[in-house]
Amino acid sequence: MKRYFENLHSATNRRMHYFLLAYLFSSLVGFTVWKVFSSASGIIICVSVTFLLARKLTKIIYAKIKVTCPICNGEELKENFTLQCKSAEYECKQCHNIYVDGVLVEKL
């Protein structure tokens, strides 16, 4: 059982690293677009391209790296957004268990 929780923790960490890379890549592409156009319309295009690319990459990451419940093998854990200073909290949609840092915190 402990192995499943370690897999959950590593999957959430891997997902966060890919999010960071996606946002950095989107920002770099947006900055390049802004430099190419270098005008007021270039700023609007830059923001639009950055937003759309980051959104698309985020959807791909959510689709490719699944964070499943180690107890019931539920398809996807839903992230409960909390303060940034706290660790991410995930809740299973099927069995309603709550995990923080890959550890079962609350079993309902």
PDB file of N, CA and C in Angstrom:
ATOM      1  N   MET A   1       0.820  -1.190   0.000  1.00  0.00           N
ATOM      2  CA  MET A   1       0.000   0.000   0.000  1.00  0.00           C
ATOM      3  C   MET A   1       0.866   1.255   0.000  1.00  0.00           C
ATOM      4  N   LYS A   2       1.993   1.206   0.694  1.00  0.00           N
ATOM      5  CA  LYS A   2       2.857   2.369   0.752  1.00  0.00           C
ATOM      6  C   LYS A   2       3.379   2.737  -0.637  1.00  0.00           C
ATOM      7  N   ARG A   3       3.621   1.729  -1.466  1.00  0.00           N
ATOM      8  CA  ARG A   3       4.109   1.961  -2.830  1.00  0.00           C
ATOM      9  C   ARG A   3       3.117   2.803  -3.628  1.00  0.00           C
ATOM     10  N   TYR A   4       1.810   2.555  -3.438  1.00  0.00           N
ATOM     11  CA  TYR A   4       0.798   3.325  -4.157  1.00  0.00           C
ATOM     12  C   TYR A   4       0.850   4.793  -3.752  1.00  0.00           C
ATOM     13  N   PHE A   5       1.060   5.051  -2.463  1.00  0.00           N
ATOM     14  CA  PHE A   5       1.131   6.425  -2.007  1.00  0.00           C
ATOM     15  C   PHE A   5       2.379   7.113  -2.531  1.00  0.00           C
ATOM     16  N   GLU A   6       3.487   6.377  -2.653  1.00  0.00           N
ATOM     17  CA  GLU A   6       4.704   6.952  -3.238  1.00  0.00           C
ATOM     18  C   GLU A   6       4.481   7.279  -4.704  1.00  0.00           C
ATOM     19  N   ASN A   7       3.763   6.399  -5.419  1.00  0.00           N
ATOM     20  CA  ASN A   7       3.445   6.684  -6.822  1.00  0.00           C
ATOM     21  C   ASN A   7       2.566   7.924  -6.946  1.00  0.00           C
ATOM     22  N   LEU A   8       1.633   8.075  -6.028  1.00  0.00           N
ATOM     23  CA  LEU A   8       0.767   9.254  -6.030  1.00  0.00           C
ATOM     24  C   LEU A   8       1.594  10.511  -5.819  1.00  0.00           C
ATOM     25  N   HIS A   9       2.518  10.465  -4.869  1.00  0.00           N
ATOM     26  CA  HIS A   9       3.361  11.627  -4.584  1.00  0.00           C
ATOM     27  C   HIS A   9       4.262  11.952  -5.772  1.00  0.00           C
ATOM     28  N   SER A  10       4.855  10.947  -6.391  1.00  0.00           N
ATOM     29  CA  SER A  10       5.740  11.199  -7.528  1.00  0.00           C
ATOM     30  C   SER A  10       4.955  11.697  -8.739  1.00  0.00           C
ATOM     31  N   ALA A  11       3.732  11.215  -8.935  1.00  0.00           N
ATOM     32  CA  ALA A  11       2.912  11.688 -10.055  1.00  0.00           C
ATOM     33  C   ALA A  11       2.528  13.146  -9.884  1.00  0.00           C
ATOM     34  N   THR A  12       2.188  13.544  -8.654  1.00  0.00           N
ATOM     35  CA  THR A  12       1.844  14.954  -8.432  1.00  0.00           C
ATOM     36  C   THR A  12       3.066  15.846  -8.607  1.00  0.00           C
ATOM     37  N   ASN A  13       4.228  15.386  -8.145  1.00  0.00           N
ATOM     38  CA  ASN A  13       5.451  16.174  -8.331  1.00  0.00           C
ATOM     39  C   ASN A  13       5.818  16.291  -9.803  1.00  0.00           C
ATOM     40  N   ARG A  14       5.706  15.194 -10.535  1.00  0.00           N
ATOM     41  CA  ARG A  14       6.027  15.215 -11.963  1.00  0.00           C
ATOM     42  C   ARG A  14       5.080  16.147 -12.703  1.00  0.00           C
ATOM     43  N   ARG A  15       3.803  16.091 -12.327  1.00  0.00           N
ATOM     44  CA  ARG A  15       2.813  16.969 -12.961  1.00  0.00           C
ATOM     45  C   ARG A  15       3.151  18.438 -12.705  1.00  0.00           C
ATOM     46  N   MET A  16       3.555  18.781 -11.493  1.00  0.00           N
ATOM     47  CA  MET A  16       3.912  20.163 -11.176  1.00  0.00           C
ATOM     48  C   MET A  16       5.149  20.620 -11.949  1.00  0.00           C
ATOM     49  N   HIS A  17       6.119  19.738 -12.122  1.00  0.00           N
ATOM     50  CA  HIS A  17       7.307  20.098 -12.906  1.00  0.00           C
ATOM     51  C   HIS A  17       6.931  20.356 -14.367  1.00  0.00           C
ATOM     52  N   TYR A  18       6.050  19.549 -14.913  1.00  0.00           N
ATOM     53  CA  TYR A  18       5.614  19.767 -16.286  1.00  0.00           C
ATOM     54  C   TYR A  18       4.810  21.057 -16.423  1.00  0.00           C
ATOM     55  N   PHE A  19       4.023  21.401 -15.408  1.00  0.00           N
ATOM     56  CA  PHE A  19       3.313  22.686 -15.437  1.00  0.00           C
ATOM     57  C   PHE A  19       4.305  23.842 -15.487  1.00  0.00           C
ATOM     58  N   LEU A  20       5.341  23.762 -14.671  1.00  0.00           N
ATOM     59  CA  LEU A  20       6.359  24.812 -14.670  1.00  0.00           C
ATOM     60  C   LEU A  20       7.000  24.938 -16.051  1.00  0.00           C
ATOM     61  N   LEU A  21       7.372  23.803 -16.637  1.00  0.00           N
ATOM     62  CA  LEU A  21       7.971  23.833 -17.971  1.00  0.00           C
ATOM     63  C   LEU A  21       6.999  24.375 -19.015  1.00  0.00           C
ATOM     64  N   ALA A  22       5.730  24.017 -18.904  1.00  0.00           N
ATOM     65  CA  ALA A  22       4.730  24.503 -19.859  1.00  0.00           C
ATOM     66  C   ALA A  22       4.583  26.014 -19.779  1.00  0.00           C
ATOM     67  N   TYR A  23       4.547  26.555 -18.557  1.00  0.00           N
ATOM     68  CA  TYR A  23       4.394  28.005 -18.411  1.00  0.00           C
ATOM     69  C   TYR A  23       5.650  28.751 -18.843  1.00  0.00           C
ATOM     70  N   LEU A  24       6.810  28.189 -18.560  1.00  0.00           N
ATOM     71  CA  LEU A  24       8.044  28.828 -19.016  1.00  0.00           C
ATOM     72  C   LEU A  24       8.128  28.816 -20.544  1.00  0.00           C
ATOM     73  N   PHE A  25       7.794  27.694 -21.159  1.00  0.00           N
ATOM     74  CA  PHE A  25       7.811  27.600 -22.612  1.00  0.00           C
ATOM     75  C   PHE A  25       6.805  28.564 -23.234  1.00  0.00           C
ATOM     76  N   SER A  26       5.597  28.641 -22.670  1.00  0.00           N
ATOM     77  CA  SER A  26       4.571  29.547 -23.184  1.00  0.00           C
ATOM     78  C   SER A  26       5.023  30.998 -23.073  1.00  0.00           C
ATOM     79  N   SER A  27       5.658  31.327 -21.965  1.00  0.00           N
ATOM     80  CA  SER A  27       6.158  32.692 -21.778  1.00  0.00           C
ATOM     81  C   SER A  27       7.260  33.014 -22.774  1.00  0.00           C
ATOM     82  N   LEU A  28       8.128  32.065 -23.023  1.00  0.00           N
ATOM     83  CA  LEU A  28       9.212  32.265 -23.987  1.00  0.00           C
ATOM     84  C   LEU A  28       8.657  32.469 -25.396  1.00  0.00           C
ATOM     85  N   VAL A  29       7.678  31.671 -25.788  1.00  0.00           N
ATOM     86  CA  VAL A  29       7.051  31.832 -27.100  1.00  0.00           C
ATOM     87  C   VAL A  29       6.350  33.184 -27.187  1.00  0.00           C
ATOM     88  N   GLY A  30       5.628  33.557 -26.133  1.00  0.00           N
ATOM     89  CA  GLY A  30       4.949  34.857 -26.114  1.00  0.00           C
ATOM     90  C   GLY A  30       5.920  36.017 -26.201  1.00  0.00           C
ATOM     91  N   PHE A  31       7.030  35.922 -25.486  1.00  0.00           N
ATOM     92  CA  PHE A  31       8.043  36.985 -25.530  1.00  0.00           C
ATOM     93  C   PHE A  31       8.653  37.084 -26.924  1.00  0.00           C
ATOM     94  N   THR A  32       8.883  35.939 -27.568  1.00  0.00           N
ATOM     95  CA  THR A  32       9.426  35.936 -28.926  1.00  0.00           C
ATOM     96  C   THR A  32       8.441  36.581 -29.893  1.00  0.00           C
ATOM     97  N   VAL A  33       7.162  36.272 -29.757  1.00  0.00           N
ATOM     98  CA  VAL A  33       6.135  36.888 -30.609  1.00  0.00           C
ATOM     99  C   VAL A  33       6.114  38.397 -30.391  1.00  0.00           C
ATOM    100  N   TRP A  34       6.234  38.820 -29.151  1.00  0.00           N
ATOM    101  CA  TRP A  34       6.238  40.254 -28.851  1.00  0.00           C
ATOM    102  C   TRP A  34       7.445  40.941 -29.487  1.00  0.00           C
ATOM    103  N   LYS A  35       8.606  40.300 -29.436  1.00  0.00           N
ATOM    104  CA  LYS A  35       9.805  40.875 -30.041  1.00  0.00           C
ATOM    105  C   LYS A  35       9.674  40.965 -31.559  1.00  0.00           C
ATOM    106  N   VAL A  36       9.007  39.984 -32.172  1.00  0.00           N
ATOM    107  CA  VAL A  36       8.847  39.997 -33.630  1.00  0.00           C
ATOM    108  C   VAL A  36       7.942  41.151 -34.062  1.00  0.00           C
ATOM    109  N   PHE A  37       6.837  41.358 -33.375  1.00  0.00           N
ATOM    110  CA  PHE A  37       5.901  42.408 -33.773  1.00  0.00           C
ATOM    111  C   PHE A  37       6.270  43.769 -33.181  1.00  0.00           C
ATOM    112  N   SER A  38       6.826  43.832 -32.000  1.00  0.00           N
ATOM    113  CA  SER A  38       7.208  45.035 -31.249  1.00  0.00           C
ATOM    114  C   SER A  38       6.331  46.253 -31.510  1.00  0.00           C
ATOM    115  N   SER A  39       5.092  46.075 -31.159  1.00  0.00           N
ATOM    116  CA  SER A  39       4.132  47.179 -31.229  1.00  0.00           C
ATOM    117  C   SER A  39       3.040  46.919 -30.196  1.00  0.00           C
ATOM    118  N   ALA A  40       2.061  47.809 -30.167  1.00  0.00           N
ATOM    119  CA  ALA A  40       0.960  47.629 -29.223  1.00  0.00           C
ATOM    120  C   ALA A  40       0.161  46.366 -29.570  1.00  0.00           C
ATOM    121  N   SER A  41      -0.023  46.109 -30.852  1.00  0.00           N
ATOM    122  CA  SER A  41      -0.742  44.899 -31.237  1.00  0.00           C
ATOM    123  C   SER A  41       0.097  43.658 -30.924  1.00  0.00           C
ATOM    124  N   GLY A  42       1.429  43.806 -30.929  1.00  0.00           N
ATOM    125  CA  GLY A  42       2.310  42.701 -30.563  1.00  0.00           C
ATOM    126  C   GLY A  42       2.117  42.274 -29.124  1.00  0.00           C
ATOM    127  N   ILE A  43       1.830  43.230 -28.251  1.00  0.00           N
ATOM    128  CA  ILE A  43       1.585  42.906 -26.840  1.00  0.00           C
ATOM    129  C   ILE A  43       0.298  42.110 -26.702  1.00  0.00           C
ATOM    130  N   ILE A  44      -0.727  42.513 -27.434  1.00  0.00           N
ATOM    131  CA  ILE A  44      -2.002  41.800 -27.380  1.00  0.00           C
ATOM    132  C   ILE A  44      -1.836  40.388 -27.942  1.00  0.00           C
ATOM    133  N   ILE A  45      -1.128  40.275 -29.050  1.00  0.00           N
ATOM    134  CA  ILE A  45      -0.874  38.958 -29.639  1.00  0.00           C
ATOM    135  C   ILE A  45      -0.033  38.115 -28.690  1.00  0.00           C
ATOM    136  N   CYS A  46       0.956  38.729 -28.051  1.00  0.00           N
ATOM    137  CA  CYS A  46       1.829  38.028 -27.096  1.00  0.00           C
ATOM    138  C   CYS A  46       1.021  37.435 -25.950  1.00  0.00           C
ATOM    139  N   VAL A  47       0.170  38.226 -25.354  1.00  0.00           N
ATOM    140  CA  VAL A  47      -0.638  37.761 -24.224  1.00  0.00           C
ATOM    141  C   VAL A  47      -1.591  36.649 -24.671  1.00  0.00           C
ATOM    142  N   SER A  48      -2.201  36.827 -25.843  1.00  0.00           N
ATOM    143  CA  SER A  48      -3.133  35.826 -26.354  1.00  0.00           C
ATOM    144  C   SER A  48      -2.433  34.500 -26.639  1.00  0.00           C
ATOM    145  N   VAL A  49      -1.292  34.565 -27.317  1.00  0.00           N
ATOM    146  CA  VAL A  49      -0.559  33.347 -27.650  1.00  0.00           C
ATOM    147  C   VAL A  49      -0.081  32.643 -26.379  1.00  0.00           C
ATOM    148  N   THR A  50       0.433  33.410 -25.428  1.00  0.00           N
ATOM    149  CA  THR A  50       0.913  32.833 -24.171  1.00  0.00           C
ATOM    150  C   THR A  50      -0.224  32.145 -23.429  1.00  0.00           C
ATOM    151  N   PHE A  51      -1.359  32.808 -23.332  1.00  0.00           N
ATOM    152  CA  PHE A  51      -2.506  32.246 -22.628  1.00  0.00           C
ATOM    153  C   PHE A  51      -3.005  30.974 -23.300  1.00  0.00           C
ATOM    154  N   LEU A  52      -3.197  31.024 -24.616  1.00  0.00           N
ATOM    155  CA  LEU A  52      -3.736  29.867 -25.324  1.00  0.00           C
ATOM    156  C   LEU A  52      -2.765  28.684 -25.306  1.00  0.00           C
ATOM    157  N   LEU A  53      -1.487  28.951 -25.482  1.00  0.00           N
ATOM    158  CA  LEU A  53      -0.504  27.867 -25.460  1.00  0.00           C
ATOM    159  C   LEU A  53      -0.402  27.246 -24.068  1.00  0.00           C
ATOM    160  N   ALA A  54      -0.390  28.068 -23.029  1.00  0.00           N
ATOM    161  CA  ALA A  54      -0.329  27.547 -21.658  1.00  0.00           C
ATOM    162  C   ALA A  54      -1.572  26.721 -21.335  1.00  0.00           C
ATOM    163  N   ARG A  55      -2.712  27.183 -21.786  1.00  0.00           N
ATOM    164  CA  ARG A  55      -3.952  26.450 -21.533  1.00  0.00           C
ATOM    165  C   ARG A  55      -3.951  25.097 -22.243  1.00  0.00           C
ATOM    166  N   LYS A  56      -3.495  25.072 -23.487  1.00  0.00           N
ATOM    167  CA  LYS A  56      -3.449  23.825 -24.249  1.00  0.00           C
ATOM    168  C   LYS A  56      -2.458  22.842 -23.629  1.00  0.00           C
ATOM    169  N   LEU A  57      -1.281  23.335 -23.247  1.00  0.00           N
ATOM    170  CA  LEU A  57      -0.282  22.465 -22.629  1.00  0.00           C
ATOM    171  C   LEU A  57      -0.771  21.928 -21.279  1.00  0.00           C
ATOM    172  N   THR A  58      -1.496  22.740 -20.530  1.00  0.00           N
ATOM    173  CA  THR A  58      -2.049  22.302 -19.251  1.00  0.00           C
ATOM    174  C   THR A  58      -3.062  21.176 -19.453  1.00  0.00           C
ATOM    175  N   LYS A  59      -3.901  21.306 -20.458  1.00  0.00           N
ATOM    176  CA  LYS A  59      -4.874  20.245 -20.753  1.00  0.00           C
ATOM    177  C   LYS A  59      -4.173  18.957 -21.159  1.00  0.00           C
ATOM    178  N   ILE A  60      -3.100  19.077 -21.931  1.00  0.00           N
ATOM    179  CA  ILE A  60      -2.345  17.888 -22.339  1.00  0.00           C
ATOM    180  C   ILE A  60      -1.715  17.210 -21.125  1.00  0.00           C
ATOM    181  N   ILE A  61      -1.176  18.009 -20.207  1.00  0.00           N
ATOM    182  CA  ILE A  61      -0.557  17.451 -18.998  1.00  0.00           C
ATOM    183  C   ILE A  61      -1.600  16.728 -18.155  1.00  0.00           C
ATOM    184  N   TYR A  62      -2.773  17.340 -17.979  1.00  0.00           N
ATOM    185  CA  TYR A  62      -3.834  16.682 -17.217  1.00  0.00           C
ATOM    186  C   TYR A  62      -4.263  15.373 -17.876  1.00  0.00           C
ATOM    187  N   ALA A  63      -4.259  15.327 -19.208  1.00  0.00           N
ATOM    188  CA  ALA A  63      -4.685  14.120 -19.914  1.00  0.00           C
ATOM    189  C   ALA A  63      -3.627  13.023 -19.858  1.00  0.00           C
ATOM    190  N   LYS A  64      -2.356  13.388 -19.932  1.00  0.00           N
ATOM    191  CA  LYS A  64      -1.284  12.394 -20.017  1.00  0.00           C
ATOM    192  C   LYS A  64      -0.827  11.867 -18.656  1.00  0.00           C
ATOM    193  N   ILE A  65      -0.768  12.719 -17.654  1.00  0.00           N
ATOM    194  CA  ILE A  65      -0.294  12.301 -16.331  1.00  0.00           C
ATOM    195  C   ILE A  65      -1.502  12.227 -15.396  1.00  0.00           C
ATOM    196  N   LYS A  66      -2.023  11.035 -15.257  1.00  0.00           N
ATOM    197  CA  LYS A  66      -3.183  10.816 -14.399  1.00  0.00           C
ATOM    198  C   LYS A  66      -2.733  10.590 -12.962  1.00  0.00           C
ATOM    199  N   VAL A  67      -3.440  11.194 -12.048  1.00  0.00           N
ATOM    200  CA  VAL A  67      -3.212  10.971 -10.623  1.00  0.00           C
ATOM    201  C   VAL A  67      -4.426  10.191 -10.129  1.00  0.00           C
ATOM    202  N   THR A  68      -4.249   8.875  -9.949  1.00  0.00           N
ATOM    203  CA  THR A  68      -5.365   8.008  -9.586  1.00  0.00           C
ATOM    204  C   THR A  68      -5.353   7.706  -8.085  1.00  0.00           C
ATOM    205  N   CYS A  69      -6.509   7.355  -7.569  1.00  0.00           N
ATOM    206  CA  CYS A  69      -6.659   7.023  -6.153  1.00  0.00           C
ATOM    207  C   CYS A  69      -6.033   5.652  -5.895  1.00  0.00           C
ATOM    208  N   PRO A  70      -5.127   5.551  -4.916  1.00  0.00           N
ATOM    209  CA  PRO A  70      -4.501   4.259  -4.635  1.00  0.00           C
ATOM    210  C   PRO A  70      -5.417   3.258  -3.946  1.00  0.00           C
ATOM    211  N   ILE A  71      -6.524   3.695  -3.383  1.00  0.00           N
ATOM    212  CA  ILE A  71      -7.406   2.787  -2.657  1.00  0.00           C
ATOM    213  C   ILE A  71      -8.485   2.200  -3.564  1.00  0.00           C
ATOM    214  N   CYS A  72      -9.199   3.050  -4.298  1.00  0.00           N
ATOM    215  CA  CYS A  72     -10.302   2.555  -5.124  1.00  0.00           C
ATOM    216  C   CYS A  72      -9.978   2.578  -6.614  1.00  0.00           C
ATOM    217  N   ASN A  73      -8.775   3.020  -6.979  1.00  0.00           N
ATOM    218  CA  ASN A  73      -8.363   3.169  -8.386  1.00  0.00           C
ATOM    219  C   ASN A  73      -9.307   4.071  -9.163  1.00  0.00           C
ATOM    220  N   GLY A  74      -9.785   5.115  -8.477  1.00  0.00           N
ATOM    221  CA  GLY A  74     -10.624   6.110  -9.138  1.00  0.00           C
ATOM    222  C   GLY A  74      -9.854   6.782 -10.267  1.00  0.00           C
ATOM    223  N   GLU A  75     -10.571   7.182 -11.302  1.00  0.00           N
ATOM    224  CA  GLU A  75      -9.926   7.706 -12.499  1.00  0.00           C
ATOM    225  C   GLU A  75      -9.042   8.912 -12.239  1.00  0.00           C
ATOM    226  N   GLU A  76      -9.530   9.868 -11.515  1.00  0.00           N
ATOM    227  CA  GLU A  76      -8.779  11.104 -11.356  1.00  0.00           C
ATOM    228  C   GLU A  76      -9.063  11.682  -9.971  1.00  0.00           C
ATOM    229  N   LEU A  77      -8.014  12.225  -9.362  1.00  0.00           N
ATOM    230  CA  LEU A  77      -8.188  12.941  -8.108  1.00  0.00           C
ATOM    231  C   LEU A  77      -8.387  14.414  -8.412  1.00  0.00           C
ATOM    232  N   LYS A  78      -9.329  15.029  -7.716  1.00  0.00           N
ATOM    233  CA  LYS A  78      -9.621  16.438  -7.911  1.00  0.00           C
ATOM    234  C   LYS A  78      -8.785  17.235  -6.926  1.00  0.00           C
ATOM    235  N   GLU A  79      -8.114  18.264  -7.412  1.00  0.00           N
ATOM    236  CA  GLU A  79      -7.282  19.080  -6.535  1.00  0.00           C
ATOM    237  C   GLU A  79      -8.149  20.118  -5.844  1.00  0.00           C
ATOM    238  N   ASN A  80      -8.082  20.131  -4.509  1.00  0.00           N
ATOM    239  CA  ASN A  80      -8.750  21.162  -3.719  1.00  0.00           C
ATOM    240  C   ASN A  80      -7.752  22.287  -3.520  1.00  0.00           C
ATOM    241  N   PHE A  81      -8.047  23.437  -4.060  1.00  0.00           N
ATOM    242  CA  PHE A  81      -7.109  24.542  -4.005  1.00  0.00           C
ATOM    243  C   PHE A  81      -7.136  25.175  -2.618  1.00  0.00           C
ATOM    244  N   THR A  82      -5.951  25.330  -2.046  1.00  0.00           N
ATOM    245  CA  THR A  82      -5.798  25.926  -0.718  1.00  0.00           C
ATOM    246  C   THR A  82      -4.775  27.049  -0.815  1.00  0.00           C
ATOM    247  N   LEU A  83      -4.292  27.497   0.322  1.00  0.00           N
ATOM    248  CA  LEU A  83      -3.267  28.535   0.332  1.00  0.00           C
ATOM    249  C   LEU A  83      -1.992  28.024  -0.325  1.00  0.00           C
ATOM    250  N   GLN A  84      -1.204  28.937  -0.899  1.00  0.00           N
ATOM    251  CA  GLN A  84       0.024  28.528  -1.577  1.00  0.00           C
ATOM    252  C   GLN A  84       1.070  28.000  -0.611  1.00  0.00           C
ATOM    253  N   CYS A  85       1.011  28.397   0.649  1.00  0.00           N
ATOM    254  CA  CYS A  85       2.001  27.939   1.616  1.00  0.00           C
ATOM    255  C   CYS A  85       1.716  26.517   2.100  1.00  0.00           C
ATOM    256  N   LYS A  86       0.530  25.983   1.790  1.00  0.00           N
ATOM    257  CA  LYS A  86       0.180  24.615   2.175  1.00  0.00           C
ATOM    258  C   LYS A  86       0.412  23.671   1.004  1.00  0.00           C
ATOM    259  N   SER A  87       0.587  22.417   1.310  1.00  0.00           N
ATOM    260  CA  SER A  87       0.745  21.406   0.267  1.00  0.00           C
ATOM    261  C   SER A  87      -0.579  21.193  -0.454  1.00  0.00           C
ATOM    262  N   ALA A  88      -0.475  20.725  -1.705  1.00  0.00           N
ATOM    263  CA  ALA A  88      -1.680  20.477  -2.498  1.00  0.00           C
ATOM    264  C   ALA A  88      -2.506  19.364  -1.861  1.00  0.00           C
ATOM    265  N   GLU A  89      -3.806  19.512  -1.928  1.00  0.00           N
ATOM    266  CA  GLU A  89      -4.732  18.550  -1.345  1.00  0.00           C
ATOM    267  C   GLU A  89      -5.569  17.957  -2.473  1.00  0.00           C
ATOM    268  N   TYR A  90      -5.635  16.624  -2.529  1.00  0.00           N
ATOM    269  CA  TYR A  90      -6.372  15.938  -3.588  1.00  0.00           C
ATOM    270  C   TYR A  90      -7.483  15.112  -2.984  1.00  0.00           C
ATOM    271  N   GLU A  91      -8.651  15.128  -3.640  1.00  0.00           N
ATOM    272  CA  GLU A  91      -9.800  14.362  -3.161  1.00  0.00           C
ATOM    273  C   GLU A  91     -10.281  13.426  -4.268  1.00  0.00           C
ATOM    274  N   CYS A  92     -10.531  12.185  -3.894  1.00  0.00           N
ATOM    275  CA  CYS A  92     -11.044  11.201  -4.842  1.00  0.00           C
ATOM    276  C   CYS A  92     -12.531  11.462  -5.055  1.00  0.00           C
ATOM    277  N   LYS A  93     -12.967  11.438  -6.296  1.00  0.00           N
ATOM    278  CA  LYS A  93     -14.370  11.692  -6.605  1.00  0.00           C
ATOM    279  C   LYS A  93     -15.256  10.505  -6.239  1.00  0.00           C
ATOM    280  N   GLN A  94     -14.682   9.297  -6.229  1.00  0.00           N
ATOM    281  CA  GLN A  94     -15.486   8.101  -5.974  1.00  0.00           C
ATOM    282  C   GLN A  94     -15.590   7.768  -4.489  1.00  0.00           C
ATOM    283  N   CYS A  95     -14.439   7.632  -3.810  1.00  0.00           N
ATOM    284  CA  CYS A  95     -14.469   7.213  -2.409  1.00  0.00           C
ATOM    285  C   CYS A  95     -14.326   8.391  -1.435  1.00  0.00           C
ATOM    286  N   HIS A  96     -14.105   9.588  -1.939  1.00  0.00           N
ATOM    287  CA  HIS A  96     -14.019  10.830  -1.165  1.00  0.00           C
ATOM    288  C   HIS A  96     -12.900  10.832  -0.126  1.00  0.00           C
ATOM    289  N   ASN A  97     -11.817  10.099  -0.395  1.00  0.00           N
ATOM    290  CA  ASN A  97     -10.628  10.164   0.459  1.00  0.00           C
ATOM    291  C   ASN A  97      -9.822  11.401   0.097  1.00  0.00           C
ATOM    292  N   ILE A  98      -9.125  11.949   1.085  1.00  0.00           N
ATOM    293  CA  ILE A  98      -8.336  13.162   0.875  1.00  0.00           C
ATOM    294  C   ILE A  98      -6.871  12.831   1.111  1.00  0.00           C
ATOM    295  N   TYR A  99      -6.010  13.271   0.178  1.00  0.00           N
ATOM    296  CA  TYR A  99      -4.575  13.019   0.233  1.00  0.00           C
ATOM    297  C   TYR A  99      -3.821  14.340   0.218  1.00  0.00           C
ATOM    298  N   VAL A 100      -2.774  14.411   1.052  1.00  0.00           N
ATOM    299  CA  VAL A 100      -1.854  15.543   1.055  1.00  0.00           C
ATOM    300  C   VAL A 100      -0.454  14.976   0.992  1.00  0.00           C
ATOM    301  N   ASP A 101       0.334  15.425   0.024  1.00  0.00           N
ATOM    302  CA  ASP A 101       1.699  14.918  -0.195  1.00  0.00           C
ATOM    303  C   ASP A 101       1.724  13.406  -0.369  1.00  0.00           C
ATOM    304  N   GLY A 102       0.716  12.868  -1.021  1.00  0.00           N
ATOM    305  CA  GLY A 102       0.682  11.441  -1.289  1.00  0.00           C
ATOM    306  C   GLY A 102       0.314  10.581  -0.102  1.00  0.00           C
ATOM    307  N   VAL A 103      -0.144  11.186   0.984  1.00  0.00           N
ATOM    308  CA  VAL A 103      -0.499  10.438   2.195  1.00  0.00           C
ATOM    309  C   VAL A 103      -1.988  10.630   2.467  1.00  0.00           C
ATOM    310  N   LEU A 104      -2.657   9.531   2.818  1.00  0.00           N
ATOM    311  CA  LEU A 104      -4.078   9.574   3.149  1.00  0.00           C
ATOM    312  C   LEU A 104      -4.248  10.357   4.439  1.00  0.00           C
ATOM    313  N   VAL A 105      -5.011  11.454   4.354  1.00  0.00           N
ATOM    314  CA  VAL A 105      -5.217  12.310   5.525  1.00  0.00           C
ATOM    315  C   VAL A 105      -6.558  12.033   6.157  1.00  0.00           C
ATOM    316  N   GLU A 106      -7.592  11.933   5.332  1.00  0.00           N
ATOM    317  CA  GLU A 106      -8.935  11.820   5.872  1.00  0.00           C
ATOM    318  C   GLU A 106      -9.684  10.768   5.053  1.00  0.00           C
ATOM    319  N   LYS A 107     -10.176   9.765   5.749  1.00  0.00           N
ATOM    320  CA  LYS A 107     -10.966   8.737   5.081  1.00  0.00           C
ATOM    321  C   LYS A 107     -12.414   8.929   5.485  1.00  0.00           C
ATOM    322  N   LEU A 108     -13.257   9.165   4.490  1.00  0.00           N
ATOM    323  CA  LEU A 108     -14.662   9.421   4.775  1.00  0.00           C
ATOM    324  C   LEU A 108     -15.503   8.195   4.558  1.00  0.00           C
TER     325      LEU A 108
END
